[in-house]
């Protein structure tokens, strides 16, 4: 509860570890003027009414980065209370399939090695997802694996 003892608004968000076949991960940077501006995050966004996390992830990545992904298995869930918003964040593995990322709804993006991911500054809810086992995508998604 906040100072006035009223419940704070809540939102459910799907966030994707978007794997490229060479093992790199896509991260996006939050735009200026909004919450957590300039911080990096796992691409994704809010679930619309009736959507499941996998659908929301595919839709949001297309809207914000212009690429297509295939949603895969869930790797973790966190609920995090910011001062004015409760975020339920669902982390999903996802596979990059087609397109070239463009900055449609993000300030920037980059492909990073998994070992470099944790060197970036993330909003607290995103950062808490990394406490779950996330480092290994489905084996058939990467080149040279079966």
C-alpha atoms as a PDB file:
ATOM      1  CA  UNK A   1       0.000   0.000   0.000  1.00  0.00           C
ATOM      2  CA  UNK A   2       1.107   3.538  -0.618  1.00  0.00           C
ATOM      3  CA  UNK A   3       0.965   6.428   1.867  1.00  0.00           C
ATOM      4  CA  UNK A   4      -2.775   6.929   1.331  1.00  0.00           C
ATOM      5  CA  UNK A   5      -3.382   3.199   1.922  1.00  0.00           C
ATOM      6  CA  UNK A   6      -4.955   2.750  -1.505  1.00  0.00           C
ATOM      7  CA  UNK A   7      -3.763  -0.088  -3.705  1.00  0.00           C
ATOM      8  CA  UNK A   8      -1.292   0.979  -6.357  1.00  0.00           C
ATOM      9  CA  UNK A   9      -2.093   0.230 -10.005  1.00  0.00           C
ATOM     10  CA  UNK A  10      -0.644  -2.967 -11.414  1.00  0.00           C
ATOM     11  CA  UNK A  11       0.400  -4.164 -14.842  1.00  0.00           C
ATOM     12  CA  UNK A  12       1.507  -7.511 -16.252  1.00  0.00           C
ATOM     13  CA  UNK A  13       4.434  -7.401 -18.667  1.00  0.00           C
ATOM     14  CA  UNK A  14       6.091 -10.020 -20.888  1.00  0.00           C
ATOM     15  CA  UNK A  15       9.866  -9.609 -21.281  1.00  0.00           C
ATOM     16  CA  UNK A  16      11.909 -11.617 -23.756  1.00  0.00           C
ATOM     17  CA  UNK A  17      15.412 -12.968 -23.756  1.00  0.00           C
ATOM     18  CA  UNK A  18      15.604 -12.760 -27.537  1.00  0.00           C
ATOM     19  CA  UNK A  19      18.251 -15.178 -28.774  1.00  0.00           C
ATOM     20  CA  UNK A  20      19.909 -14.939 -32.166  1.00  0.00           C
ATOM     21  CA  UNK A  21      21.241 -18.175 -33.716  1.00  0.00           C
ATOM     22  CA  UNK A  22      24.836 -17.118 -32.925  1.00  0.00           C
ATOM     23  CA  UNK A  23      24.040 -16.955 -29.196  1.00  0.00           C
ATOM     24  CA  UNK A  24      23.728 -13.165 -28.868  1.00  0.00           C
ATOM     25  CA  UNK A  25      20.819 -11.541 -27.002  1.00  0.00           C
ATOM     26  CA  UNK A  26      18.840  -8.441 -27.970  1.00  0.00           C
ATOM     27  CA  UNK A  27      18.324  -5.693 -25.390  1.00  0.00           C
ATOM     28  CA  UNK A  28      16.571  -2.376 -25.821  1.00  0.00           C
ATOM     29  CA  UNK A  29      17.013   0.981 -24.143  1.00  0.00           C
ATOM     30  CA  UNK A  30      14.081   2.821 -22.600  1.00  0.00           C
ATOM     31  CA  UNK A  31      13.246   6.148 -24.268  1.00  0.00           C
ATOM     32  CA  UNK A  32      13.816   9.548 -22.689  1.00  0.00           C
ATOM     33  CA  UNK A  33      10.909  11.182 -20.892  1.00  0.00           C
ATOM     34  CA  UNK A  34       9.458   7.965 -19.483  1.00  0.00           C
ATOM     35  CA  UNK A  35      10.039   5.806 -16.436  1.00  0.00           C
ATOM     36  CA  UNK A  36      13.559   4.377 -16.187  1.00  0.00           C
ATOM     37  CA  UNK A  37      14.724   6.455 -19.184  1.00  0.00           C
ATOM     38  CA  UNK A  38      18.085   5.356 -20.535  1.00  0.00           C
ATOM     39  CA  UNK A  39      18.101   1.991 -18.757  1.00  0.00           C
ATOM     40  CA  UNK A  40      18.351  -1.233 -20.708  1.00  0.00           C
ATOM     41  CA  UNK A  41      15.632  -3.862 -20.621  1.00  0.00           C
ATOM     42  CA  UNK A  42      14.545  -7.136 -22.075  1.00  0.00           C
ATOM     43  CA  UNK A  43      12.253  -6.244 -24.990  1.00  0.00           C
ATOM     44  CA  UNK A  44       8.540  -6.762 -24.489  1.00  0.00           C
ATOM     45  CA  UNK A  45       5.591  -4.966 -23.013  1.00  0.00           C
ATOM     46  CA  UNK A  46       2.209  -4.987 -21.349  1.00  0.00           C
ATOM     47  CA  UNK A  47      -0.306  -7.742 -21.888  1.00  0.00           C
ATOM     48  CA  UNK A  48      -3.515  -6.587 -23.545  1.00  0.00           C
ATOM     49  CA  UNK A  49      -6.855  -7.979 -22.268  1.00  0.00           C
ATOM     50  CA  UNK A  50      -7.156 -11.628 -23.281  1.00  0.00           C
ATOM     51  CA  UNK A  51      -3.503 -12.004 -24.309  1.00  0.00           C
ATOM     52  CA  UNK A  52      -1.157 -14.646 -22.974  1.00  0.00           C
ATOM     53  CA  UNK A  53       2.476 -13.653 -22.316  1.00  0.00           C
ATOM     54  CA  UNK A  54       3.796 -15.262 -25.520  1.00  0.00           C
ATOM     55  CA  UNK A  55       1.313 -13.303 -27.676  1.00  0.00           C
ATOM     56  CA  UNK A  56       2.120 -10.027 -25.925  1.00  0.00           C
ATOM     57  CA  UNK A  57       5.852 -10.561 -26.371  1.00  0.00           C
ATOM     58  CA  UNK A  58       5.571 -11.236 -30.111  1.00  0.00           C
ATOM     59  CA  UNK A  59       3.263  -8.226 -30.624  1.00  0.00           C
ATOM     60  CA  UNK A  60       5.295  -5.776 -28.535  1.00  0.00           C
ATOM     61  CA  UNK A  61       8.631  -6.725 -30.121  1.00  0.00           C
ATOM     62  CA  UNK A  62       7.121  -6.190 -33.585  1.00  0.00           C
ATOM     63  CA  UNK A  63       5.698  -2.790 -32.507  1.00  0.00           C
ATOM     64  CA  UNK A  64       8.839  -1.524 -30.758  1.00  0.00           C
ATOM     65  CA  UNK A  65      11.660  -3.064 -32.834  1.00  0.00           C
ATOM     66  CA  UNK A  66      10.049  -4.124 -36.119  1.00  0.00           C
ATOM     67  CA  UNK A  67      11.247  -7.733 -35.939  1.00  0.00           C
ATOM     68  CA  UNK A  68       9.566 -11.086 -35.638  1.00  0.00           C
ATOM     69  CA  UNK A  69      10.315 -13.475 -32.804  1.00  0.00           C
ATOM     70  CA  UNK A  70       9.064 -16.867 -31.742  1.00  0.00           C
ATOM     71  CA  UNK A  71       8.140 -16.988 -28.063  1.00  0.00           C
ATOM     72  CA  UNK A  72       9.532 -19.948 -26.176  1.00  0.00           C
ATOM     73  CA  UNK A  73       9.442 -21.259 -22.626  1.00  0.00           C
ATOM     74  CA  UNK A  74       9.069 -19.111 -19.546  1.00  0.00           C
ATOM     75  CA  UNK A  75      12.183 -18.814 -17.386  1.00  0.00           C
ATOM     76  CA  UNK A  76      10.979 -16.690 -14.471  1.00  0.00           C
ATOM     77  CA  UNK A  77       8.349 -14.403 -12.909  1.00  0.00           C
ATOM     78  CA  UNK A  78       8.724 -11.520 -10.488  1.00  0.00           C
ATOM     79  CA  UNK A  79       6.366  -9.043  -8.891  1.00  0.00           C
ATOM     80  CA  UNK A  80       8.040  -5.741  -8.132  1.00  0.00           C
ATOM     81  CA  UNK A  81       6.556  -2.685  -6.435  1.00  0.00           C
ATOM     82  CA  UNK A  82       7.761   0.646  -7.754  1.00  0.00           C
ATOM     83  CA  UNK A  83       6.540   3.749  -5.865  1.00  0.00           C
ATOM     84  CA  UNK A  84       3.447   4.185  -8.051  1.00  0.00           C
ATOM     85  CA  UNK A  85       3.112   0.883  -9.934  1.00  0.00           C
ATOM     86  CA  UNK A  86       3.189  -2.852  -9.244  1.00  0.00           C
ATOM     87  CA  UNK A  87       4.767  -4.774 -12.127  1.00  0.00           C
ATOM     88  CA  UNK A  88       4.256  -8.503 -12.639  1.00  0.00           C
ATOM     89  CA  UNK A  89       7.065  -9.370 -15.049  1.00  0.00           C
ATOM     90  CA  UNK A  90       7.076 -12.673 -16.932  1.00  0.00           C
ATOM     91  CA  UNK A  91      10.400 -13.626 -18.514  1.00  0.00           C
ATOM     92  CA  UNK A  92      10.282 -15.744 -21.656  1.00  0.00           C
ATOM     93  CA  UNK A  93      12.947 -17.146 -23.902  1.00  0.00           C
ATOM     94  CA  UNK A  94      12.350 -16.036 -27.497  1.00  0.00           C
ATOM     95  CA  UNK A  95      14.022 -16.768 -30.805  1.00  0.00           C
ATOM     96  CA  UNK A  96      14.773 -14.040 -33.339  1.00  0.00           C
ATOM     97  CA  UNK A  97      13.291 -15.169 -36.653  1.00  0.00           C
ATOM     98  CA  UNK A  98      13.182 -12.332 -39.237  1.00  0.00           C
ATOM     99  CA  UNK A  99      13.670  -8.631 -39.798  1.00  0.00           C
ATOM    100  CA  UNK A 100      16.242  -6.016 -38.935  1.00  0.00           C
ATOM    101  CA  UNK A 101      15.758  -4.215 -35.599  1.00  0.00           C
ATOM    102  CA  UNK A 102      14.800  -0.553 -35.860  1.00  0.00           C
ATOM    103  CA  UNK A 103      14.115   2.037 -33.150  1.00  0.00           C
ATOM    104  CA  UNK A 104      10.326   2.284 -33.394  1.00  0.00           C
ATOM    105  CA  UNK A 105       9.514   2.496 -29.684  1.00  0.00           C
ATOM    106  CA  UNK A 106      12.920   2.335 -28.046  1.00  0.00           C
ATOM    107  CA  UNK A 107      15.828   4.762 -27.665  1.00  0.00           C
ATOM    108  CA  UNK A 108      18.378   2.183 -28.796  1.00  0.00           C
ATOM    109  CA  UNK A 109      19.059  -1.545 -29.052  1.00  0.00           C
ATOM    110  CA  UNK A 110      22.069  -3.813 -29.177  1.00  0.00           C
ATOM    111  CA  UNK A 111      23.001  -7.460 -29.491  1.00  0.00           C
ATOM    112  CA  UNK A 112      25.089  -8.586 -26.503  1.00  0.00           C
ATOM    113  CA  UNK A 113      26.848 -11.726 -25.365  1.00  0.00           C
ATOM    114  CA  UNK A 114      25.076 -13.452 -22.459  1.00  0.00           C
ATOM    115  CA  UNK A 115      28.110 -12.878 -20.227  1.00  0.00           C
ATOM    116  CA  UNK A 116      27.930  -9.110 -20.910  1.00  0.00           C
ATOM    117  CA  UNK A 117      24.213  -8.780 -20.210  1.00  0.00           C
ATOM    118  CA  UNK A 118      24.556  -8.194 -16.480  1.00  0.00           C
ATOM    119  CA  UNK A 119      26.989  -5.308 -17.015  1.00  0.00           C
ATOM    120  CA  UNK A 120      24.087  -3.167 -18.286  1.00  0.00           C
ATOM    121  CA  UNK A 121      21.867  -1.100 -16.013  1.00  0.00           C
ATOM    122  CA  UNK A 122      18.298  -2.496 -15.866  1.00  0.00           C
ATOM    123  CA  UNK A 123      15.151  -1.348 -14.044  1.00  0.00           C
ATOM    124  CA  UNK A 124      14.764  -3.278 -10.778  1.00  0.00           C
ATOM    125  CA  UNK A 125      12.031  -5.660 -11.999  1.00  0.00           C
ATOM    126  CA  UNK A 126      14.073  -6.671 -15.089  1.00  0.00           C
ATOM    127  CA  UNK A 127      17.192  -7.117 -12.961  1.00  0.00           C
ATOM    128  CA  UNK A 128      15.348  -9.467 -10.588  1.00  0.00           C
ATOM    129  CA  UNK A 129      14.576 -11.845 -13.487  1.00  0.00           C
ATOM    130  CA  UNK A 130      18.277 -12.679 -13.695  1.00  0.00           C
ATOM    131  CA  UNK A 131      18.039 -14.528 -10.366  1.00  0.00           C
ATOM    132  CA  UNK A 132      16.301 -17.322 -12.320  1.00  0.00           C
ATOM    133  CA  UNK A 133      18.146 -19.772 -14.593  1.00  0.00           C
ATOM    134  CA  UNK A 134      18.128 -17.884 -17.896  1.00  0.00           C
ATOM    135  CA  UNK A 135      21.500 -18.546 -19.529  1.00  0.00           C
ATOM    136  CA  UNK A 136      20.567 -21.498 -21.729  1.00  0.00           C
ATOM    137  CA  UNK A 137      17.944 -21.219 -24.492  1.00  0.00           C
ATOM    138  CA  UNK A 138      16.332 -24.255 -26.123  1.00  0.00           C
ATOM    139  CA  UNK A 139      19.308 -26.080 -27.704  1.00  0.00           C
ATOM    140  CA  UNK A 140      17.895 -26.236 -31.234  1.00  0.00           C
ATOM    141  CA  UNK A 141      17.836 -22.408 -31.381  1.00  0.00           C
ATOM    142  CA  UNK A 142      21.603 -22.011 -31.595  1.00  0.00           C
ATOM    143  CA  UNK A 143      23.926 -22.860 -34.491  1.00  0.00           C
ATOM    144  CA  UNK A 144      25.853 -26.069 -34.010  1.00  0.00           C
ATOM    145  CA  UNK A 145      23.614 -27.550 -31.310  1.00  0.00           C
ATOM    146  CA  UNK A 146      21.070 -30.326 -31.355  1.00  0.00           C
END
